[in-house]
Amino acid sequence: MEVKERIVQDKGLDHTLNLLEEGYPFIKNRMDLYKCNMFETHIMGKKTICISGEEACKIFYDEDLFQRKGAMPKRIQKTLLGVNAIQGMDKNAHSQRKHFFMSLMTEDHQKKLGELFEKEMEASVDKWVNMKEVVLFREAKNNLCKAACFWTGVPLQESDVESRADDFCAMIDGFGGVGSRYWKGKAARNRTEAWIEAIIEDVRQGKLIVKDDSPLNQMAFHREPDGNQMELQMAAKELINVIRPIVAISTYITFTALAIYEHPECHEELMGGDNKYFEMFVQEVRRYYPFTPFLGAEVHKDFNWNQYEFKKGVLVLLDVYGMNHDSKIWNNPDDFQPKRFEEQKDRTFSFIPQGGGDPGKTHRCPGEGITIEIMKASLKFLVNKVDFEVPEQDLRYSLSRIPTLPESGFIMKNIRKK
């Protein structure tokens, strides 16, 4: 039976510039315009299928239908992810590497990292009380970098904290930028890989002794399925893929502070200290504010879905931002409502700020639990541990910029301990 193609064609020859201009809502804008959940466009001269919705997400995470190898542009690998690292693997290779990553990110490790970060923030208050103003994003990225390095076992001098944290952030910022942003991110990637390679080499040679169960030691001596020790450059890339996403949580922490400020109707319940409400608030921050715009994969083999024939090798983008603001998934999606998460339901393929599917098997971020735990720690800190004023500043964030952040980085002043 011949399949009838039923897909909207985005008008125009190429929409790379539109993507750069529109940013996060690029896919959603067209879904709303064409009243569809799938359309065909061209990005960087390449035919691209954009999809959205829970059913679309389910097929996107079917590894028989989609592959990540070859889907990620080299410019993103050379800034954000590392060339040929875990995000570009498929099937058994990905499954085995993912199992290793998950062993480093157990619930105990999640709690440990949350505690380490909270201690770093509490220790910073003594400095903050004497400062005219504090930029939360800057302090959060530095403290996350310190906590992540301490937890992994990576030695980090106090004098190097800010420069190393800045490099991790430059990698994150570079993947969505052109020109100087890209080159800054690529240079940061090169510096960081050289730094981590030297540390792993010292561990392997016995010049640096770390705990056996530390992520650094585990990565340094990890063996591939063929029995060989992981190649040095790859071990460095993967250890960076443990630390960098932790530093990236500084963006979510900044949006958490913005949410507290913008939504005073939540203050009473936050002050009540209910752990369940804290988690709902954190989840709503992850849904409401922009973080990941979309995810990409290539069609692994020809298949039919929604009366359309997907051809092998075609790039497919899953609209993460659009799904987080889809009225078919969320009631009043443009309202900030933490209690929408009060209802316990399966959101495996409908709430995907860090990917969908089973985190132990699919390309869903293995550090999602760490993200939630650290965000909860930051929320409790901001609500229970400090008082501060929010001076007049530019708290706007641009959806056309990927990744984005409030312009001011969230400035606080007159900080004092509670």
Protein backbone atom coordinates (compact mmCIF):
# COMPACT_ATOMS: atom_id res chain seq x y z
CA MET A 1 0.00 0.00 0.00
CA GLU A 2 1.47 3.33 -1.04
CA VAL A 3 1.94 5.82 1.79
CA LYS A 4 0.45 9.21 1.16
CA GLU A 5 2.71 11.99 2.42
CA ARG A 6 0.80 14.27 4.71
CA ILE A 7 3.20 16.88 5.94
CA VAL A 8 3.35 20.67 5.83
CA GLN A 9 6.21 22.15 3.81
CA ASP A 10 7.77 25.22 5.43
CA LYS A 11 7.82 27.94 2.80
CA GLY A 12 11.20 29.07 1.51
CA LEU A 13 14.47 27.43 0.48
CA ASP A 14 16.32 27.42 3.81
CA HIS A 15 15.37 28.51 7.33
CA THR A 16 18.72 28.63 9.13
CA LEU A 17 18.49 32.40 9.50
CA ASN A 18 14.92 32.10 10.81
CA LEU A 19 16.14 29.62 13.42
CA LEU A 20 18.90 32.00 14.49
CA GLU A 21 16.45 34.92 14.64
CA GLU A 22 13.58 33.11 16.40
CA GLY A 23 15.54 30.76 18.66
CA TYR A 24 13.56 28.63 21.10
CA PRO A 25 10.07 29.10 19.56
CA PHE A 26 11.23 28.44 15.97
CA ILE A 27 9.50 25.05 15.75
CA LYS A 28 6.50 25.99 17.90
CA ASN A 29 5.84 29.11 15.83
CA ARG A 30 5.36 26.94 12.77
CA MET A 31 3.39 24.25 14.56
CA ASP A 32 0.98 26.98 15.69
CA LEU A 33 0.90 28.61 12.26
CA TYR A 34 0.31 25.40 10.31
CA LYS A 35 -1.80 23.78 13.08
CA CYS A 36 0.20 20.56 12.91
CA ASN A 37 2.58 18.40 14.95
CA MET A 38 5.06 17.81 12.11
CA PHE A 39 6.48 19.83 9.24
CA GLU A 40 9.34 19.75 6.75
CA THR A 41 11.93 22.50 6.50
CA HIS A 42 15.59 22.99 5.56
CA ILE A 43 18.32 23.86 8.07
CA MET A 44 21.87 24.58 6.87
CA GLY A 45 20.82 23.31 3.45
CA LYS A 46 19.69 19.97 4.86
CA LYS A 47 16.17 18.59 4.74
CA THR A 48 14.85 18.54 8.30
CA ILE A 49 11.64 17.15 9.79
CA CYS A 50 10.41 18.91 12.94
CA ILE A 51 8.09 16.94 15.22
CA SER A 52 6.30 17.61 18.50
CA GLY A 53 4.02 15.87 21.00
CA GLU A 54 4.01 12.80 23.21
CA GLU A 55 3.55 10.29 20.38
CA ALA A 56 6.29 11.97 18.37
CA CYS A 57 8.58 11.74 21.39
CA LYS A 58 7.94 8.01 21.71
CA ILE A 59 9.09 7.29 18.16
CA PHE A 60 12.03 9.70 18.53
CA TYR A 61 13.40 7.53 21.35
CA ASP A 62 12.94 4.26 19.45
CA GLU A 63 16.54 3.29 18.72
CA ASP A 64 15.43 1.00 15.90
CA LEU A 65 14.09 4.05 14.07
CA PHE A 66 16.55 6.82 15.01
CA GLN A 67 20.27 7.16 15.56
CA ARG A 68 22.40 9.89 17.14
CA LYS A 69 25.62 9.07 15.34
CA GLY A 70 26.06 11.59 12.55
CA ALA A 71 23.11 13.71 13.67
CA MET A 72 25.02 16.15 15.85
CA PRO A 73 26.83 18.87 13.87
CA LYS A 74 30.59 18.95 14.43
CA ARG A 75 30.35 22.53 15.69
CA ILE A 76 28.25 21.28 18.63
CA GLN A 77 30.61 18.37 19.27
CA LYS A 78 33.58 20.76 19.25
CA THR A 79 32.01 23.02 21.86
CA LEU A 80 29.31 21.41 23.98
CA LEU A 81 29.59 17.62 23.81
CA GLY A 82 33.05 16.51 22.72
CA VAL A 83 33.72 14.73 19.42
CA ASN A 84 32.37 11.14 19.28
CA ALA A 85 31.41 11.12 22.97
CA ILE A 86 28.39 9.41 24.57
CA GLN A 87 25.74 11.67 22.99
CA GLY A 88 26.74 10.45 19.52
CA MET A 89 26.62 6.73 20.29
CA ASP A 90 23.88 4.23 19.52
CA LYS A 91 22.70 0.73 20.42
CA ASN A 92 25.17 -1.43 22.41
CA ALA A 93 27.95 1.15 22.47
CA HIS A 94 25.60 3.75 23.93
CA SER A 95 23.95 1.28 26.30
CA GLN A 96 27.27 0.21 27.79
CA ARG A 97 28.60 3.76 28.12
CA LYS A 98 25.25 4.92 29.57
CA HIS A 99 25.32 2.14 32.17
CA PHE A 100 28.72 3.40 33.27
CA PHE A 101 27.44 6.99 33.53
CA MET A 102 24.40 5.89 35.52
CA SER A 103 26.68 4.07 38.00
CA LEU A 104 28.32 7.44 38.73
CA MET A 105 25.00 9.21 39.31
CA THR A 106 23.14 7.14 41.88
CA GLU A 107 20.68 8.67 44.36
CA ASP A 108 23.43 8.78 46.99
CA HIS A 109 25.64 10.73 44.61
CA GLN A 110 22.75 13.07 43.79
CA LYS A 111 22.21 13.86 47.46
CA LYS A 112 25.93 14.25 48.05
CA LEU A 113 26.22 16.79 45.25
CA GLY A 114 23.21 18.73 46.52
CA GLU A 115 24.77 18.88 49.98
CA LEU A 116 28.16 19.95 48.60
CA PHE A 117 26.60 22.74 46.58
CA GLU A 118 24.50 23.98 49.49
CA LYS A 119 27.60 24.09 51.70
CA GLU A 120 29.45 26.11 49.07
CA MET A 121 26.57 28.58 48.84
CA GLU A 122 26.32 28.90 52.62
CA ALA A 123 30.07 29.50 52.85
CA SER A 124 29.75 32.25 50.23
CA VAL A 125 27.29 34.25 52.32
CA ASP A 126 30.07 35.48 54.63
CA LYS A 127 31.63 37.13 51.57
CA TRP A 128 28.34 38.35 50.13
CA VAL A 129 27.26 40.31 53.22
CA ASN A 130 30.17 42.69 52.61
CA MET A 131 29.58 43.10 48.88
CA LYS A 132 27.61 45.93 47.32
CA GLU A 133 25.84 43.48 45.04
CA VAL A 134 26.05 39.84 44.02
CA VAL A 135 25.30 38.34 40.60
CA LEU A 136 23.69 35.00 41.36
CA PHE A 137 24.58 33.34 38.04
CA ARG A 138 28.25 34.08 38.56
CA GLU A 139 28.28 32.79 42.13
CA ALA A 140 26.24 29.70 41.24
CA LYS A 141 28.50 28.66 38.35
CA ASN A 142 31.62 29.06 40.49
CA ASN A 143 30.17 27.11 43.40
CA LEU A 144 28.83 24.40 41.11
CA CYS A 145 32.25 24.06 39.51
CA LYS A 146 33.86 23.70 42.95
CA ALA A 147 31.27 21.17 44.12
CA ALA A 148 31.48 19.14 40.88
CA CYS A 149 35.28 19.00 40.94
CA PHE A 150 35.36 18.06 44.63
CA TRP A 151 32.78 15.32 44.06
CA THR A 152 34.53 13.88 40.99
CA GLY A 153 37.96 14.09 42.63
CA VAL A 154 39.36 16.63 40.17
CA PRO A 155 41.84 18.93 41.97
CA LEU A 156 40.94 22.60 41.60
CA GLN A 157 42.80 25.53 43.12
CA GLU A 158 40.66 28.35 44.52
CA SER A 159 42.47 30.80 42.23
CA ASP A 160 41.41 28.75 39.18
CA VAL A 161 37.73 28.29 40.05
CA GLU A 162 36.34 31.23 38.08
CA SER A 163 38.40 30.63 34.94
CA ARG A 164 37.51 26.92 34.87
CA ALA A 165 33.83 27.67 35.51
CA ASP A 166 33.91 30.28 32.75
CA ASP A 167 35.33 27.70 30.34
CA PHE A 168 32.56 25.22 31.13
CA CYS A 169 30.01 27.98 30.57
CA ALA A 170 31.69 29.06 27.32
CA MET A 171 31.31 25.50 25.97
CA ILE A 172 27.61 25.65 26.79
CA ASP A 173 27.19 29.12 25.32
CA GLY A 174 29.21 28.33 22.21
CA PHE A 175 27.00 25.56 20.84
CA GLY A 176 24.17 27.96 20.01
CA GLY A 177 26.33 30.85 18.84
CA VAL A 178 28.14 31.96 15.74
CA GLY A 179 31.30 33.98 15.31
CA SER A 180 33.08 34.87 18.54
CA ARG A 181 30.71 32.84 20.76
CA TYR A 182 31.51 29.68 18.82
CA TRP A 183 35.26 30.25 18.75
CA LYS A 184 35.31 31.12 22.45
CA GLY A 185 33.46 27.87 23.20
CA LYS A 186 35.81 25.82 21.00
CA ALA A 187 38.89 27.33 22.67
CA ALA A 188 37.37 26.63 26.10
CA ARG A 189 36.75 23.02 25.07
CA ASN A 190 40.38 22.61 23.96
CA ARG A 191 41.74 24.11 27.20
CA THR A 192 39.48 21.99 29.37
CA GLU A 193 40.23 18.76 27.54
CA ALA A 194 43.99 19.38 27.89
CA TRP A 195 43.54 20.11 31.63
CA ILE A 196 41.46 16.98 32.31
CA GLU A 197 43.69 14.77 30.12
CA ALA A 198 46.72 15.76 32.21
CA ILE A 199 44.86 14.97 35.44
CA ILE A 200 43.71 11.54 34.19
CA GLU A 201 47.24 10.76 33.03
CA ASP A 202 48.55 11.64 36.51
CA VAL A 203 45.99 9.29 38.07
CA ARG A 204 46.96 6.47 35.72
CA GLN A 205 50.64 6.94 36.48
CA GLY A 206 50.07 7.07 40.23
CA LYS A 207 51.18 10.70 40.51
CA LEU A 208 47.73 11.70 41.77
CA ILE A 209 45.96 9.46 44.26
CA VAL A 210 42.17 9.78 44.48
CA LYS A 211 39.45 7.67 46.07
CA ASP A 212 38.73 4.41 44.26
CA ASP A 213 35.02 5.20 43.98
CA SER A 214 35.50 8.76 42.74
CA PRO A 215 34.24 9.52 39.21
CA LEU A 216 37.78 10.62 38.27
CA ASN A 217 39.28 7.29 39.30
CA GLN A 218 36.41 5.35 37.73
CA MET A 219 36.81 7.23 34.46
CA ALA A 220 40.61 6.95 34.46
CA PHE A 221 40.54 3.16 34.74
CA HIS A 222 37.29 2.38 32.93
CA ARG A 223 37.58 -0.42 30.41
CA GLU A 224 35.69 -0.57 27.16
CA PRO A 225 33.65 -3.65 26.17
CA ASP A 226 36.72 -5.00 24.31
CA GLY A 227 38.68 -5.00 27.58
CA ASN A 228 40.94 -2.11 26.66
CA GLN A 229 41.29 0.95 28.86
CA MET A 230 39.32 3.92 27.61
CA GLU A 231 41.49 6.08 25.37
CA LEU A 232 42.86 9.12 27.22
CA GLN A 233 41.18 11.78 25.09
CA MET A 234 37.81 10.02 25.30
CA ALA A 235 38.11 9.60 29.08
CA ALA A 236 38.71 13.36 29.36
CA LYS A 237 35.71 14.16 27.14
CA GLU A 238 33.44 11.91 29.17
CA LEU A 239 34.62 13.28 32.51
CA ILE A 240 33.89 16.75 31.14
CA ASN A 241 30.45 15.38 30.20
CA VAL A 242 29.97 14.67 33.90
CA ILE A 243 31.17 18.07 35.18
CA ARG A 244 29.91 20.45 32.47
CA PRO A 245 26.18 19.65 32.87
CA ILE A 246 26.52 20.25 36.61
CA VAL A 247 27.97 23.71 35.99
CA ALA A 248 25.12 24.30 33.48
CA ILE A 249 22.61 24.04 36.34
CA SER A 250 23.66 27.63 37.17
CA THR A 251 21.21 28.68 34.45
CA TYR A 252 18.35 26.81 36.11
CA ILE A 253 19.34 28.29 39.50
CA THR A 254 19.17 31.78 38.05
CA PHE A 255 15.72 31.06 36.63
CA THR A 256 14.72 29.61 40.02
CA ALA A 257 15.56 32.93 41.68
CA LEU A 258 13.67 34.76 38.93
CA ALA A 259 10.64 32.52 39.52
CA ILE A 260 10.66 33.31 43.25
CA TYR A 261 10.80 37.01 42.41
CA GLU A 262 8.23 36.98 39.60
CA HIS A 263 5.68 34.81 41.37
CA PRO A 264 5.04 36.16 44.88
CA GLU A 265 1.84 34.11 45.00
CA CYS A 266 4.09 31.10 45.66
CA HIS A 267 5.90 32.66 48.65
CA GLU A 268 3.56 31.41 51.36
CA GLU A 269 3.90 27.78 50.35
CA LEU A 270 7.64 28.12 49.81
CA MET A 271 8.05 29.56 53.28
CA GLY A 272 6.12 26.58 54.63
CA GLY A 273 9.14 24.45 53.78
CA ASP A 274 7.17 21.57 52.31
CA ASN A 275 9.61 19.34 50.41
CA LYS A 276 6.90 18.18 48.00
CA TYR A 277 6.08 21.77 47.05
CA PHE A 278 9.80 22.54 46.59
CA GLU A 279 10.02 19.68 44.10
CA MET A 280 6.89 20.83 42.26
CA PHE A 281 8.29 24.38 42.11
CA VAL A 282 11.58 23.10 40.68
CA GLN A 283 9.79 21.01 38.07
CA GLU A 284 7.71 24.00 37.03
CA VAL A 285 10.88 26.08 36.63
CA ARG A 286 12.24 23.35 34.35
CA ARG A 287 9.03 23.39 32.30
CA TYR A 288 8.29 27.11 32.20
CA TYR A 289 11.70 28.69 31.57
CA PRO A 290 13.83 28.00 28.44
CA PHE A 291 16.74 25.59 28.67
CA THR A 292 16.92 23.01 25.86
CA PRO A 293 15.31 24.25 22.60
CA PHE A 294 15.13 20.95 20.70
CA LEU A 295 16.87 17.60 20.26
CA GLY A 296 18.19 16.06 17.06
CA ALA A 297 18.55 12.58 15.58
CA GLU A 298 18.83 10.98 12.15
CA VAL A 299 16.41 8.44 10.72
CA HIS A 300 18.12 5.05 11.07
CA LYS A 301 15.95 3.22 8.55
CA ASP A 302 12.96 4.00 6.37
CA PHE A 303 9.67 3.86 8.27
CA ASN A 304 6.15 5.27 8.14
CA TRP A 305 4.52 7.36 10.85
CA ASN A 306 1.52 9.65 10.80
CA GLN A 307 1.00 8.87 7.11
CA TYR A 308 4.48 10.11 6.24
CA GLU A 309 7.50 8.15 5.05
CA PHE A 310 10.65 8.96 7.01
CA LYS A 311 13.70 8.29 4.86
CA LYS A 312 17.01 6.99 6.21
CA GLY A 313 19.54 9.77 6.92
CA VAL A 314 17.02 12.61 7.26
CA LEU A 315 17.55 14.93 10.24
CA VAL A 316 14.65 15.10 12.71
CA LEU A 317 14.27 17.73 15.45
CA LEU A 318 12.05 17.10 18.48
CA ASP A 319 10.61 20.36 19.84
CA VAL A 320 11.43 20.38 23.58
CA TYR A 321 10.56 24.04 24.22
CA GLY A 322 7.31 23.73 22.30
CA MET A 323 6.25 20.61 24.20
CA ASN A 324 6.89 22.41 27.49
CA HIS A 325 4.40 25.06 26.34
CA ASP A 326 1.90 22.88 24.49
CA SER A 327 -1.73 23.39 25.54
CA LYS A 328 -2.50 19.81 24.49
CA ILE A 329 -0.10 18.61 27.21
CA TRP A 330 -0.43 21.35 29.86
CA ASN A 331 -3.43 23.37 31.03
CA ASN A 332 -2.67 27.10 30.72
CA PRO A 333 0.96 26.42 29.68
CA ASP A 334 1.91 30.11 29.76
CA ASP A 335 1.06 30.34 33.47
CA PHE A 336 3.57 29.44 36.19
CA GLN A 337 1.72 26.82 38.27
CA PRO A 338 3.87 24.48 40.39
CA LYS A 339 0.81 22.57 41.57
CA ARG A 340 0.29 21.17 38.08
CA PHE A 341 2.89 18.60 39.19
CA GLU A 342 0.79 17.60 42.19
CA GLU A 343 -0.92 15.01 40.04
CA GLN A 344 1.21 11.89 39.81
CA LYS A 345 1.23 10.71 36.20
CA ASP A 346 3.59 9.19 33.70
CA ARG A 347 5.39 12.06 31.96
CA THR A 348 8.17 9.95 30.43
CA PHE A 349 7.44 11.23 26.94
CA SER A 350 5.52 14.44 27.65
CA PHE A 351 7.85 16.30 30.05
CA ILE A 352 11.32 16.20 28.52
CA PRO A 353 13.43 19.22 29.56
CA GLN A 354 16.47 16.92 29.58
CA GLY A 355 15.27 14.29 27.15
CA GLY A 356 12.65 11.54 27.18
CA GLY A 357 12.38 7.83 27.70
CA ASP A 358 14.04 5.59 30.29
CA PRO A 359 17.15 7.44 31.59
CA GLY A 360 18.96 4.13 31.99
CA LYS A 361 18.47 3.13 28.35
CA THR A 362 17.75 6.11 26.11
CA HIS A 363 19.55 9.37 25.42
CA ARG A 364 17.74 11.05 28.30
CA CYS A 365 20.29 12.95 30.40
CA PRO A 366 21.74 10.65 33.10
CA GLY A 367 22.25 13.69 35.35
CA GLU A 368 18.59 14.70 35.50
CA GLY A 369 18.34 13.57 39.13
CA ILE A 370 21.41 15.64 39.97
CA THR A 371 19.80 18.66 38.33
CA ILE A 372 16.64 18.32 40.40
CA GLU A 373 18.53 17.73 43.66
CA ILE A 374 20.79 20.77 43.16
CA MET A 375 17.86 22.96 42.12
CA LYS A 376 16.01 21.94 45.28
CA ALA A 377 19.10 22.75 47.34
CA SER A 378 19.36 26.18 45.71
CA LEU A 379 15.65 26.86 46.27
CA LYS A 380 15.87 25.95 49.95
CA PHE A 381 18.97 28.13 50.28
CA LEU A 382 17.34 31.17 48.67
CA VAL A 383 14.15 30.78 50.70
CA ASN A 384 15.43 29.60 54.09
CA LYS A 385 19.07 30.61 54.48
CA VAL A 386 19.35 34.21 53.25
CA ASP A 387 17.45 37.45 53.04
CA PHE A 388 18.21 39.79 50.14
CA GLU A 389 16.82 42.63 48.08
CA VAL A 390 16.36 42.59 44.33
CA PRO A 391 17.39 45.99 42.96
CA GLU A 392 16.13 47.42 39.69
CA GLN A 393 17.81 45.54 36.84
CA ASP A 394 17.18 44.00 33.43
CA LEU A 395 15.66 40.59 34.15
CA ARG A 396 14.46 40.04 30.60
CA TYR A 397 15.71 36.99 28.71
CA SER A 398 15.71 36.65 24.95
CA LEU A 399 14.08 33.58 23.41
CA SER A 400 16.02 34.30 20.22
CA ARG A 401 19.30 33.58 22.02
CA ILE A 402 20.24 29.92 22.54
CA PRO A 403 21.09 29.31 25.35
CA THR A 404 19.44 32.22 27.14
CA LEU A 405 19.62 33.79 30.60
CA PRO A 406 18.22 36.87 32.35
CA GLU A 407 20.30 39.81 31.10
CA SER A 408 21.51 40.84 34.56
CA GLY A 409 22.29 37.34 35.78
CA PHE A 410 19.95 38.15 38.72
CA ILE A 411 21.52 40.78 40.97
CA MET A 412 20.99 40.64 44.74
CA LYS A 413 22.00 43.22 47.35
CA ASN A 414 21.86 43.76 51.12
CA ILE A 415 22.35 40.06 51.67
CA ARG A 416 22.23 38.72 55.19
CA LYS A 417 21.95 35.36 56.86
CA LYS A 418 18.65 34.24 58.33
